[in-house]
């Protein structure tokens, strides 16, 4: 009879140890699930920011191209005006010589 009580006591202790370990593992699992959820949210937010920044880069690239085209047109006009001024100076100089 003593062996049976002793065996039950040992089994009861082992079951308590297992239950305790199961509780610890469940807490760890829940903590990991929470961390995974937060990380997933962070990834989602980062992807949204990335998409927004890609659109902004695209807009800025378009704006840069427009400004480069406008600069080229203005430089062309400036060159034409410089040519006209040079011709007018030459004509003025020739008229003074007459």
Protein backbone atom coordinates (compact mmCIF):
# COMPACT_ATOMS: atom_id res chain seq x y z
CA UNK A 1 0.00 0.00 0.00
CA UNK A 2 2.86 2.34 0.81
CA UNK A 3 4.30 1.78 -2.69
CA UNK A 4 0.99 2.70 -4.29
CA UNK A 5 0.72 5.94 -2.32
CA UNK A 6 4.34 6.74 -3.06
CA UNK A 7 3.81 6.04 -6.78
CA UNK A 8 0.69 8.20 -6.85
CA UNK A 9 2.57 10.95 -5.10
CA UNK A 10 5.41 10.72 -7.63
CA UNK A 11 2.95 10.74 -10.53
CA UNK A 12 1.08 13.65 -9.02
CA UNK A 13 4.33 15.58 -8.67
CA UNK A 14 5.34 14.77 -12.25
CA UNK A 15 1.92 15.91 -13.52
CA UNK A 16 2.26 19.18 -11.60
CA UNK A 17 5.72 19.68 -13.10
CA UNK A 18 4.35 19.02 -16.59
CA UNK A 19 1.44 21.39 -16.04
CA UNK A 20 3.84 24.05 -14.83
CA UNK A 21 6.06 23.57 -17.87
CA UNK A 22 3.00 23.65 -20.17
CA UNK A 23 1.95 26.97 -18.59
CA UNK A 24 5.43 28.42 -19.13
CA UNK A 25 5.45 27.25 -22.76
CA UNK A 26 1.96 28.68 -23.35
CA UNK A 27 3.09 32.05 -21.98
CA UNK A 28 6.15 31.97 -24.24
CA UNK A 29 4.00 31.05 -27.24
CA UNK A 30 1.55 33.87 -26.52
CA UNK A 31 4.42 36.31 -26.14
CA UNK A 32 5.89 35.19 -29.46
CA UNK A 33 2.49 35.49 -31.17
CA UNK A 34 2.20 39.03 -29.85
CA UNK A 35 5.70 39.87 -31.10
CA UNK A 36 4.93 38.34 -34.50
CA UNK A 37 1.74 40.42 -34.73
CA UNK A 38 3.62 43.64 -33.91
CA UNK A 39 6.34 42.77 -36.39
CA UNK A 40 3.76 42.09 -39.10
CA UNK A 41 2.16 45.48 -38.44
CA UNK A 42 5.56 47.12 -38.62
CA UNK A 43 6.31 45.42 -41.94
CA UNK A 44 2.95 46.55 -43.29
CA UNK A 45 3.58 50.16 -42.24
CA UNK A 46 7.09 50.04 -43.72
CA UNK A 47 5.69 48.78 -47.04
CA UNK A 48 3.12 51.59 -47.07
CA UNK A 49 5.88 54.13 -46.47
CA UNK A 50 7.99 52.52 -49.19
CA UNK A 51 5.12 52.77 -51.68
CA UNK A 52 4.53 56.41 -50.74
CA UNK A 53 8.22 57.22 -51.09
CA UNK A 54 8.40 55.46 -54.47
CA UNK A 55 5.50 57.62 -55.69
CA UNK A 56 7.23 60.72 -54.36
CA UNK A 57 10.48 59.76 -56.09
CA UNK A 58 8.56 59.25 -59.32
CA UNK A 59 6.92 62.67 -58.99
CA UNK A 60 10.25 64.32 -58.25
CA UNK A 61 11.88 62.58 -61.20
CA UNK A 62 9.11 63.88 -63.48
CA UNK A 63 9.52 67.38 -62.04
CA UNK A 64 13.28 67.18 -62.56
CA UNK A 65 12.78 66.19 -66.20
CA UNK A 66 10.36 69.11 -66.71
CA UNK A 67 12.81 71.55 -65.16
CA UNK A 68 15.70 70.20 -67.24
CA UNK A 69 13.60 70.67 -70.40
CA UNK A 70 12.65 74.20 -69.34
CA UNK A 71 16.31 75.00 -68.59
CA UNK A 72 17.33 73.78 -72.03
CA UNK A 73 14.67 75.98 -73.67
CA UNK A 74 15.77 79.00 -71.64
CA UNK A 75 19.44 78.40 -72.50
CA UNK A 76 18.49 78.20 -76.17
CA UNK A 77 16.61 81.52 -75.93
CA UNK A 78 19.55 83.05 -74.08
CA UNK A 79 21.93 81.91 -76.83
CA UNK A 80 19.66 83.46 -79.49
CA UNK A 81 19.53 86.75 -77.58
CA UNK A 82 23.31 86.69 -77.18
CA UNK A 83 23.65 86.16 -80.95
CA UNK A 84 21.28 89.06 -81.66
CA UNK A 85 23.18 91.31 -79.26
CA UNK A 86 26.43 90.38 -80.96
CA UNK A 87 24.98 91.17 -84.40
CA UNK A 88 23.55 94.48 -83.17
CA UNK A 89 26.89 95.43 -81.64
CA UNK A 90 28.59 94.62 -84.93
CA UNK A 91 26.06 96.72 -86.89
CA UNK A 92 26.46 99.57 -84.41
CA UNK A 93 30.22 99.41 -84.73
CA UNK A 94 29.99 99.39 -88.53
CA UNK A 95 27.62 102.38 -88.48
CA UNK A 96 30.07 104.35 -86.34
CA UNK A 97 32.77 103.68 -88.90
CA UNK A 98 30.68 105.25 -91.69
